[in-house]
Amino acid sequence: MHTLLPVPFSLPVRLAAATAEAEPVSAQPEFCPNRSCRFHSRRLAADHQWFVLFGTFHTRARGPIQRFRCRACGKTCSTQTFSIHYWTHYTNDLGWLLGYLGSCSGLRQSARMAGVTHRVLQNRCRRLARNALALMDCALSRLRLSEHLAMDGFESFTRNQFHLNNITHLCGSSSQFVYAAVHTLFRRKGSMTASQRRHRALIDSVWKPSRSIRTDCTELLSDLAPAIDAACTPGGRPFFLDTDLHPAYPKAIASVPLLARRLAEGSLIHRRTSSRKPRTTHNPLFAVNYVDRQMRSTMAEYVRETIRQGREVNSQMERMAIFTALHNFATPHRIDDRARPFPSDTHASIAAIAGDSLDWHLGRMLTHRHVYSHTTRRFAWIRRIWLHEYDNPPAVRLKKGVVVERRVALTADEIPRYLRV
C-alpha cells in the first residue's frame, strides 16, 4: 500500500478536529449505488435490511474486500464503493494534499514531494472537490441570509494570457463567506503588439468563447435568488447587493425575475462602487476584495505572473471548490498576531451557517464518497463543476495556427464516468 509523505503541517484547526473524529469507512453499505433503486436514498436504506452478503474479492492494495447485493434491484457493490478511495490502487493521505493545496503549492510541486505523478494528485483533487461541493450544497440548501451580499469578478487566465478568465464570486458583506462562484472565459483584451494580435487571430480562427460574463452572472444570481428574495422585506430595511461598475451586472440582475421584482419595489438595492476606490474595510466591495487577496495568497495558479497557471477549466474550478470549503469552514474569520484558542470564529459561523448536517459532511471530508444524486441539484454552479460542464479552449500552436493534440490535462470527455456521478 502506497501513501503520500507524512503531513508536514497541521490542517486548519476546525477541519482537523472534524477529521480526527471522522468515522472510518463503514463495514456495511450505506445505500444502493443504483440511482434508479428506491434504496438509493440514505434515509430509506437506513430503515431496511436491503442488502445481502455477496462474497469477497482480494486486492493487493487493501486485502480482502466484502461485496454486497441489493435485494430490490440486484445491483452489487462493496465497502470501497463508499470510500473516497474508490477505484484507486493507492490509499493516499488526503490530509497532506489538502494542506498543500491550501498553502499555494502547485500540483507538480506537490507531486514531486510525494513521489507520484501529477495526475495522481489531480485525481485526488477531484475527489476532494466533490466532497467540498457536497458540503456547499448542504450549506446552501437551507440558507437564510443574515447579511448583505457583494459580487465581483477575479480576473486571471487559463493556460496562457490569450485565454483570459473571470471567476465571478458572491460573498457575504460581513462574513466574507463565499456563497457561489462561476468561471467565464473570454478573449485577450487591451493593447497588444502586432505579433500578439496575429496570435490572437490564429486562436480566434479555431475558438470563440461560448458564454459571456452576463450569462454566467445571471446563472449565479438565479442560484441565490430565492435566498435573496426571502431576505428582502418590503417597507423595511433594504437589502444591498454591491458590485463594481461592470456593465454586465445590472443586466444580469434584471434578467432574474425574483430580483427584478424586488428592485422595482425598492426592497433590493443594487449599489455600484468604483473598483478604483481605496480597498479598505469601509469599501462596500471589501468582502470580494478580501476573497480576491486570499485566492492570490492561497491558490498557486493565481499568484501574479505565475508559472503554475491553470491548464484546464474544470480542474481550476475543482480547486476553487476546495478553496471555498477551506475558506468558509476552516479559516479563521480574521487572522492576526494574537494566539486564538480553539474554536475560532470562521466565515461560516459569522454568516450564521451551522448545523449537524454540516458537521457530518465536514467529518467525512477526507474519508467518504459523496454522489451528485444525493445533493439537492438546485445549484447550477455546483452542477457545472461536479459534472465537468465547462468548455476548454484548445491549445493552439501559435506559429502554425493548428490545434495541438497533446494536452497536459484531461478534457471533460476523458474524465472517467465514476468520477462524474
Protein backbone atom coordinates (compact mmCIF):
# COMPACT_ATOMS: atom_id res chain seq x y z
CA MET A 1 0.00 0.00 0.00
CA HIS A 2 1.38 3.38 -1.04
CA THR A 3 0.80 6.56 0.94
CA LEU A 4 1.93 10.10 0.48
CA LEU A 5 4.52 11.70 2.73
CA PRO A 6 3.53 12.47 6.33
CA VAL A 7 1.56 15.66 6.85
CA PRO A 8 4.23 18.41 7.09
CA PHE A 9 1.91 20.78 8.93
CA SER A 10 -1.47 20.68 10.55
CA LEU A 11 -4.69 21.19 8.68
CA PRO A 12 -6.72 24.21 9.71
CA VAL A 13 -7.87 23.58 13.27
CA ARG A 14 -11.61 23.22 12.66
CA LEU A 15 -11.26 20.75 9.80
CA ALA A 16 -8.51 18.85 11.59
CA ALA A 17 -10.75 18.40 14.63
CA ALA A 18 -13.65 17.24 12.49
CA THR A 19 -11.44 14.82 10.57
CA ALA A 20 -9.87 13.40 13.74
CA GLU A 21 -13.34 12.33 14.91
CA ALA A 22 -14.43 11.10 11.48
CA GLU A 23 -15.92 7.64 11.35
CA PRO A 24 -13.94 5.12 9.29
CA VAL A 25 -15.45 3.86 6.08
CA SER A 26 -18.42 1.72 7.03
CA ALA A 27 -18.10 -2.05 7.03
CA GLN A 28 -21.65 -2.14 5.60
CA PRO A 29 -23.08 -0.36 2.55
CA GLU A 30 -24.81 2.96 3.23
CA PHE A 31 -27.17 2.92 0.23
CA CYS A 32 -27.70 1.16 -3.08
CA PRO A 33 -25.45 2.71 -5.74
CA ASN A 34 -28.16 2.22 -8.39
CA ARG A 35 -29.75 5.67 -8.77
CA SER A 36 -33.00 4.09 -10.02
CA CYS A 37 -33.39 1.91 -6.91
CA ARG A 38 -35.57 3.10 -4.04
CA PHE A 39 -32.80 2.18 -1.60
CA HIS A 40 -30.52 4.74 -3.22
CA SER A 41 -31.97 7.06 -0.60
CA ARG A 42 -29.80 7.07 2.54
CA ARG A 43 -32.82 7.58 4.77
CA LEU A 44 -34.80 4.68 3.29
CA ALA A 45 -31.75 2.38 3.23
CA ALA A 46 -31.06 3.08 6.90
CA ASP A 47 -34.51 1.76 7.88
CA HIS A 48 -34.39 -1.52 5.92
CA GLN A 49 -32.20 -4.59 5.57
CA TRP A 50 -31.91 -4.03 1.84
CA PHE A 51 -28.71 -5.99 1.06
CA VAL A 52 -27.22 -9.47 1.43
CA LEU A 53 -23.58 -10.55 1.53
CA PHE A 54 -22.25 -11.42 -1.93
CA GLY A 55 -18.80 -12.86 -1.38
CA THR A 56 -15.42 -11.16 -1.21
CA PHE A 57 -12.55 -10.32 -3.53
CA HIS A 58 -8.89 -9.73 -2.80
CA THR A 59 -6.81 -6.67 -3.67
CA ARG A 60 -3.08 -6.17 -3.29
CA ALA A 61 -3.65 -2.62 -2.00
CA ARG A 62 -6.24 -3.32 0.69
CA GLY A 63 -6.56 -7.08 1.12
CA PRO A 64 -9.99 -8.77 1.20
CA ILE A 65 -12.97 -6.58 0.28
CA GLN A 66 -16.56 -7.56 1.16
CA ARG A 67 -19.20 -7.39 -1.57
CA PHE A 68 -22.97 -6.90 -1.22
CA ARG A 69 -26.04 -7.28 -3.42
CA CYS A 70 -29.22 -5.21 -3.28
CA ARG A 71 -32.34 -7.29 -2.63
CA ALA A 72 -34.52 -4.88 -4.60
CA CYS A 73 -32.62 -4.32 -7.87
CA GLY A 74 -29.76 -6.84 -7.73
CA LYS A 75 -27.04 -4.18 -8.00
CA THR A 76 -23.76 -5.23 -6.40
CA CYS A 77 -21.32 -3.03 -4.50
CA SER A 78 -18.52 -3.29 -1.95
CA THR A 79 -17.24 -1.37 1.04
CA GLN A 80 -14.91 0.51 -1.34
CA THR A 81 -17.93 1.92 -3.18
CA PHE A 82 -18.49 4.33 -0.30
CA SER A 83 -14.87 5.28 0.30
CA ILE A 84 -13.22 8.39 -1.10
CA HIS A 85 -10.52 6.00 -2.37
CA TYR A 86 -12.92 4.09 -4.66
CA TRP A 87 -11.39 2.93 -7.96
CA THR A 88 -7.83 3.53 -6.79
CA HIS A 89 -4.80 1.35 -6.18
CA TYR A 90 -3.27 3.67 -3.58
CA THR A 91 -4.59 4.94 -0.26
CA ASN A 92 -3.20 8.46 -0.37
CA ASP A 93 -3.02 10.82 2.59
CA LEU A 94 -5.61 13.38 1.54
CA GLY A 95 -4.99 15.49 4.63
CA TRP A 96 -1.45 16.04 3.39
CA LEU A 97 -2.75 17.01 -0.06
CA LEU A 98 -5.39 19.34 1.34
CA GLY A 99 -2.73 21.08 3.40
CA TYR A 100 -0.52 21.62 0.36
CA LEU A 101 -3.42 22.85 -1.78
CA GLY A 102 -4.20 25.40 0.93
CA SER A 103 -0.63 26.67 1.08
CA CYS A 104 -0.11 27.84 -2.53
CA SER A 105 1.63 24.68 -3.79
CA GLY A 106 1.19 23.60 -7.40
CA LEU A 107 0.23 20.06 -8.32
CA ARG A 108 3.57 19.24 -9.94
CA GLN A 109 5.46 20.65 -6.98
CA SER A 110 3.34 18.60 -4.55
CA ALA A 111 3.69 15.51 -6.76
CA ARG A 112 7.49 15.79 -6.64
CA MET A 113 7.35 15.99 -2.85
CA ALA A 114 5.06 12.94 -2.71
CA GLY A 115 6.94 10.87 -5.28
CA VAL A 116 3.89 10.36 -7.52
CA THR A 117 2.76 11.80 -10.85
CA HIS A 118 0.73 14.98 -11.00
CA ARG A 119 -2.19 13.02 -12.49
CA VAL A 120 -2.48 11.04 -9.25
CA LEU A 121 -2.85 14.26 -7.27
CA GLN A 122 -5.21 15.69 -9.89
CA ASN A 123 -7.39 12.60 -9.47
CA ARG A 124 -7.44 13.04 -5.68
CA CYS A 125 -8.26 16.73 -6.08
CA ARG A 126 -11.40 15.72 -7.98
CA ARG A 127 -12.48 13.56 -5.08
CA LEU A 128 -11.86 16.31 -2.54
CA ALA A 129 -13.67 18.80 -4.78
CA ARG A 130 -16.83 16.68 -4.90
CA ASN A 131 -16.89 16.44 -1.12
CA ALA A 132 -16.36 20.20 -0.91
CA LEU A 133 -19.25 20.75 -3.33
CA ALA A 134 -21.48 18.40 -1.32
CA LEU A 135 -20.61 20.46 1.76
CA MET A 136 -21.53 23.70 -0.03
CA ASP A 137 -24.76 22.19 -1.34
CA CYS A 138 -25.70 21.26 2.23
CA ALA A 139 -24.86 24.78 3.45
CA LEU A 140 -26.90 26.50 0.75
CA SER A 141 -29.91 24.16 0.82
CA ARG A 142 -31.27 25.78 4.00
CA LEU A 143 -29.69 29.21 3.55
CA ARG A 144 -31.19 32.15 5.45
CA LEU A 145 -29.24 35.26 4.56
CA SER A 146 -28.36 37.41 7.57
CA GLU A 147 -26.11 39.85 5.70
CA HIS A 148 -25.86 41.86 2.51
CA LEU A 149 -24.01 40.48 -0.50
CA ALA A 150 -21.14 41.66 -2.69
CA MET A 151 -20.36 40.31 -6.16
CA ASP A 152 -17.30 40.82 -8.33
CA GLY A 153 -15.04 39.01 -10.76
CA PHE A 154 -11.48 37.82 -10.19
CA GLU A 155 -9.56 38.07 -13.45
CA SER A 156 -6.79 35.64 -14.34
CA PHE A 157 -6.05 33.31 -17.27
CA THR A 158 -6.25 29.66 -18.28
CA ARG A 159 -3.23 28.05 -19.98
CA ASN A 160 -1.90 31.36 -21.35
CA GLN A 161 -2.75 35.05 -21.40
CA PHE A 162 -4.65 34.73 -24.68
CA HIS A 163 -7.37 32.86 -22.74
CA LEU A 164 -8.43 35.25 -20.01
CA ASN A 165 -10.96 34.19 -17.42
CA ASN A 166 -13.19 35.85 -14.89
CA ILE A 167 -14.18 33.97 -11.74
CA THR A 168 -17.27 35.77 -10.50
CA HIS A 169 -17.98 35.10 -6.85
CA LEU A 170 -20.77 36.12 -4.49
CA CYS A 171 -19.70 36.84 -0.90
CA GLY A 172 -21.26 37.90 2.39
CA SER A 173 -20.52 41.55 3.13
CA SER A 174 -19.94 40.96 6.84
CA SER A 175 -18.67 37.39 6.95
CA GLN A 176 -16.76 37.15 3.65
CA PHE A 177 -18.42 33.73 3.24
CA VAL A 178 -18.19 32.64 -0.42
CA TYR A 179 -21.72 31.58 -1.44
CA ALA A 180 -21.06 30.70 -5.09
CA ALA A 181 -18.55 31.07 -7.91
CA VAL A 182 -18.63 30.69 -11.69
CA HIS A 183 -15.93 30.72 -14.38
CA THR A 184 -16.13 32.69 -17.64
CA LEU A 185 -13.59 32.57 -20.49
CA PHE A 186 -13.09 35.47 -22.88
CA ARG A 187 -10.63 36.74 -25.49
CA ARG A 188 -7.50 38.66 -24.69
CA LYS A 189 -8.18 42.39 -24.47
CA GLY A 190 -6.22 45.61 -24.10
CA SER A 191 -3.25 46.88 -26.04
CA MET A 192 -1.23 44.28 -27.95
CA THR A 193 1.77 44.23 -30.22
CA ALA A 194 1.38 43.30 -33.87
CA SER A 195 2.70 39.80 -33.10
CA GLN A 196 0.23 39.36 -30.26
CA ARG A 197 -2.66 40.46 -32.49
CA ARG A 198 -1.64 37.85 -35.06
CA HIS A 199 -1.53 35.19 -32.36
CA ARG A 200 -4.99 36.15 -31.15
CA ALA A 201 -6.30 36.00 -34.71
CA LEU A 202 -4.95 32.44 -35.03
CA ILE A 203 -6.70 31.44 -31.81
CA ASP A 204 -9.93 33.15 -32.93
CA SER A 205 -9.89 31.05 -36.09
CA VAL A 206 -10.33 27.85 -34.08
CA TRP A 207 -12.05 29.01 -30.87
CA LYS A 208 -14.60 31.55 -29.68
CA PRO A 209 -15.93 31.91 -26.10
CA SER A 210 -19.30 30.19 -25.76
CA ARG A 211 -20.60 32.20 -22.78
CA SER A 212 -20.45 35.77 -21.52
CA ILE A 213 -19.99 37.32 -18.09
CA ARG A 214 -23.61 38.46 -18.20
CA THR A 215 -24.88 34.93 -18.89
CA ASP A 216 -22.83 33.39 -16.10
CA CYS A 217 -23.73 36.14 -13.61
CA THR A 218 -27.41 35.57 -14.38
CA GLU A 219 -26.96 31.87 -13.63
CA LEU A 220 -25.06 32.67 -10.43
CA LEU A 221 -27.73 35.10 -9.20
CA SER A 222 -30.51 32.67 -10.11
CA ASP A 223 -29.00 30.11 -7.73
CA LEU A 224 -29.12 32.58 -4.82
CA ALA A 225 -32.31 34.40 -5.90
CA PRO A 226 -34.69 32.52 -3.54
CA ALA A 227 -32.49 33.33 -0.53
CA ILE A 228 -32.12 36.98 -1.60
CA ASP A 229 -35.87 37.21 -2.20
CA ALA A 230 -36.56 35.87 1.31
CA ALA A 231 -34.13 38.42 2.82
CA CYS A 232 -35.89 41.37 1.16
CA THR A 233 -38.63 42.93 3.32
CA PRO A 234 -40.86 45.46 1.55
CA GLY A 235 -41.24 48.60 3.63
CA GLY A 236 -38.38 47.60 5.90
CA ARG A 237 -34.62 47.85 5.72
CA PRO A 238 -33.47 47.34 2.10
CA PHE A 239 -31.19 44.50 1.12
CA PHE A 240 -27.99 45.60 -0.62
CA LEU A 241 -26.27 43.80 -3.50
CA ASP A 242 -22.91 45.52 -4.06
CA THR A 243 -20.97 45.35 -7.32
CA ASP A 244 -18.48 47.49 -9.21
CA LEU A 245 -19.33 49.44 -12.38
CA HIS A 246 -19.14 46.49 -14.79
CA PRO A 247 -21.97 46.92 -17.34
CA ALA A 248 -22.93 43.22 -17.23
CA TYR A 249 -24.13 43.28 -13.62
CA PRO A 250 -27.27 45.47 -13.97
CA LYS A 251 -28.39 43.43 -16.98
CA ALA A 252 -27.77 40.15 -15.14
CA ILE A 253 -29.78 41.27 -12.11
CA ALA A 254 -32.63 42.46 -14.32
CA SER A 255 -32.65 39.05 -16.06
CA VAL A 256 -33.63 37.25 -12.84
CA PRO A 257 -37.41 37.74 -12.31
CA LEU A 258 -37.30 37.48 -8.50
CA LEU A 259 -34.57 40.10 -8.23
CA ALA A 260 -36.10 42.37 -10.87
CA ARG A 261 -39.35 42.44 -8.90
CA ARG A 262 -37.53 43.27 -5.67
CA LEU A 263 -35.58 46.03 -7.43
CA ALA A 264 -38.80 47.57 -8.72
CA GLU A 265 -40.42 47.67 -5.27
CA GLY A 266 -37.27 49.05 -3.62
CA SER A 267 -36.61 46.23 -1.13
CA LEU A 268 -33.45 45.30 -3.08
CA ILE A 269 -30.88 47.96 -3.89
CA HIS A 270 -28.11 47.39 -6.41
CA ARG A 271 -25.30 49.58 -5.08
CA ARG A 272 -22.45 50.18 -7.53
CA THR A 273 -18.98 51.25 -6.38
CA SER A 274 -15.96 52.10 -8.49
CA SER A 275 -13.23 49.46 -8.27
CA ARG A 276 -10.71 52.31 -8.20
CA LYS A 277 -11.75 53.42 -4.73
CA PRO A 278 -9.43 52.54 -1.80
CA ARG A 279 -9.89 48.89 -0.87
CA THR A 280 -10.39 49.47 2.84
CA THR A 281 -12.84 47.82 5.23
CA HIS A 282 -15.21 50.77 4.64
CA ASN A 283 -15.46 49.97 0.94
CA PRO A 284 -18.78 48.16 0.16
CA LEU A 285 -16.73 45.77 -2.01
CA PHE A 286 -14.35 44.87 0.81
CA ALA A 287 -15.70 41.30 1.04
CA VAL A 288 -14.90 40.37 -2.57
CA ASN A 289 -11.59 42.26 -2.47
CA TYR A 290 -10.65 40.26 0.63
CA VAL A 291 -11.53 36.96 -1.05
CA ASP A 292 -9.52 38.00 -4.12
CA ARG A 293 -6.49 38.53 -1.90
CA GLN A 294 -7.00 35.15 -0.25
CA MET A 295 -7.16 33.49 -3.66
CA ARG A 296 -3.90 35.17 -4.62
CA SER A 297 -2.15 34.02 -1.46
CA THR A 298 -3.69 30.52 -1.23
CA MET A 299 -4.01 29.17 -4.78
CA ALA A 300 -0.80 28.64 -6.75
CA GLU A 301 -2.26 29.36 -10.19
CA TYR A 302 -3.37 32.87 -9.20
CA VAL A 303 -0.08 34.22 -7.89
CA ARG A 304 0.82 37.19 -10.06
CA GLU A 305 2.96 36.35 -13.11
CA THR A 306 2.79 32.72 -12.05
CA ILE A 307 4.43 29.82 -13.88
CA ARG A 308 1.84 27.50 -12.30
CA GLN A 309 -1.22 28.62 -14.23
CA GLY A 310 -4.34 26.52 -14.55
CA ARG A 311 -4.40 24.40 -17.71
CA GLU A 312 -7.93 23.03 -17.63
CA VAL A 313 -11.09 24.93 -16.68
CA ASN A 314 -12.88 22.14 -14.82
CA SER A 315 -9.75 21.40 -12.78
CA GLN A 316 -9.41 25.09 -11.98
CA MET A 317 -12.95 25.20 -10.65
CA GLU A 318 -12.45 21.99 -8.65
CA ARG A 319 -9.55 23.67 -6.88
CA MET A 320 -11.79 26.71 -6.43
CA ALA A 321 -14.38 24.46 -4.75
CA ILE A 322 -11.72 23.15 -2.36
CA PHE A 323 -10.59 26.71 -1.62
CA THR A 324 -14.21 27.72 -0.96
CA ALA A 325 -14.72 24.93 1.59
CA LEU A 326 -11.42 25.67 3.37
CA HIS A 327 -12.06 29.41 3.35
CA ASN A 328 -15.65 29.14 4.58
CA PHE A 329 -15.40 26.39 7.19
CA ALA A 330 -11.77 26.07 8.26
CA THR A 331 -10.13 29.50 8.05
CA PRO A 332 -10.50 31.96 10.96
CA HIS A 333 -12.57 35.00 10.10
CA ARG A 334 -9.70 37.27 11.00
CA ILE A 335 -6.03 36.33 11.26
CA ASP A 336 -3.60 38.48 13.23
CA ASP A 337 -0.63 38.11 15.57
CA ARG A 338 -2.71 37.02 18.56
CA ALA A 339 -2.96 33.39 19.64
CA ARG A 340 -6.52 32.18 19.13
CA PRO A 341 -7.91 29.39 21.28
CA PHE A 342 -9.97 26.74 19.52
CA PRO A 343 -12.60 27.13 18.25
CA SER A 344 -12.03 30.37 16.36
CA ASP A 345 -14.86 32.10 14.55
CA THR A 346 -14.90 31.04 10.91
CA HIS A 347 -16.54 32.78 7.96
CA ALA A 348 -19.37 30.24 8.22
CA SER A 349 -20.04 30.96 11.89
CA ILE A 350 -20.09 34.72 11.26
CA ALA A 351 -22.62 34.10 8.46
CA ALA A 352 -24.72 32.01 10.92
CA ILE A 353 -24.32 28.89 8.79
CA ALA A 354 -24.12 25.84 11.03
CA GLY A 355 -25.87 22.58 11.77
CA ASP A 356 -25.41 18.88 12.46
CA SER A 357 -25.57 18.04 8.75
CA LEU A 358 -22.66 20.39 8.04
CA ASP A 359 -20.61 18.82 10.83
CA TRP A 360 -21.46 15.41 9.35
CA HIS A 361 -20.12 16.48 5.96
CA LEU A 362 -17.00 18.01 7.50
CA GLY A 363 -16.31 14.82 9.43
CA ARG A 364 -16.42 12.75 6.22
CA MET A 365 -14.48 15.18 4.06
CA LEU A 366 -11.34 13.04 3.80
CA THR A 367 -12.79 9.57 4.17
CA HIS A 368 -16.13 9.06 2.42
CA ARG A 369 -17.53 9.43 -1.07
CA HIS A 370 -20.44 11.72 -1.89
CA VAL A 371 -22.51 11.32 -5.05
CA TYR A 372 -24.24 14.02 -7.07
CA SER A 373 -27.63 12.30 -6.89
CA HIS A 374 -27.66 12.91 -3.12
CA THR A 375 -27.31 16.67 -3.48
CA THR A 376 -30.33 18.96 -3.85
CA ARG A 377 -29.35 19.53 -7.52
CA ARG A 378 -30.72 23.07 -7.28
CA PHE A 379 -27.50 24.99 -7.84
CA ALA A 380 -26.21 25.32 -11.39
CA TRP A 381 -22.74 26.49 -10.32
CA ILE A 382 -22.26 23.25 -8.33
CA ARG A 383 -23.55 21.08 -11.18
CA ARG A 384 -21.20 22.65 -13.73
CA ILE A 385 -18.15 21.86 -11.60
CA TRP A 386 -19.27 18.40 -10.47
CA LEU A 387 -20.25 17.15 -13.93
CA HIS A 388 -17.38 18.89 -15.77
CA GLU A 389 -19.65 21.03 -17.93
CA TYR A 390 -17.11 23.80 -18.57
CA ASP A 391 -15.69 24.03 -22.09
CA ASN A 392 -11.93 24.27 -22.52
CA PRO A 393 -10.13 26.43 -25.06
CA PRO A 394 -7.97 24.38 -27.42
CA ALA A 395 -4.21 24.54 -27.20
CA VAL A 396 -3.01 26.24 -30.41
CA ARG A 397 0.45 26.07 -31.94
CA LEU A 398 0.85 29.80 -32.48
CA LYS A 399 3.45 29.61 -35.25
CA LYS A 400 1.28 27.37 -37.44
CA GLY A 401 -2.22 28.13 -36.20
CA VAL A 402 -3.11 24.47 -35.65
CA VAL A 403 -4.61 22.78 -32.61
CA VAL A 404 -2.11 20.83 -30.52
CA GLU A 405 -3.26 17.27 -29.89
CA ARG A 406 -1.01 16.64 -26.89
CA ARG A 407 -2.50 18.11 -23.72
CA VAL A 408 -1.32 18.47 -20.15
CA ALA A 409 -4.74 17.99 -18.57
CA LEU A 410 -7.63 15.63 -19.30
CA THR A 411 -10.62 17.05 -21.13
CA ALA A 412 -14.12 16.68 -19.71
CA ASP A 413 -14.91 13.79 -22.07
CA GLU A 414 -11.85 11.90 -20.88
CA ILE A 415 -12.78 12.05 -17.19
CA PRO A 416 -13.85 8.55 -16.09
CA ARG A 417 -17.58 8.24 -15.60
CA TYR A 418 -17.22 7.08 -11.98
CA LEU A 419 -15.68 10.47 -11.13
CA ARG A 420 -18.63 12.40 -12.56
CA VAL A 421 -21.52 10.74 -10.68
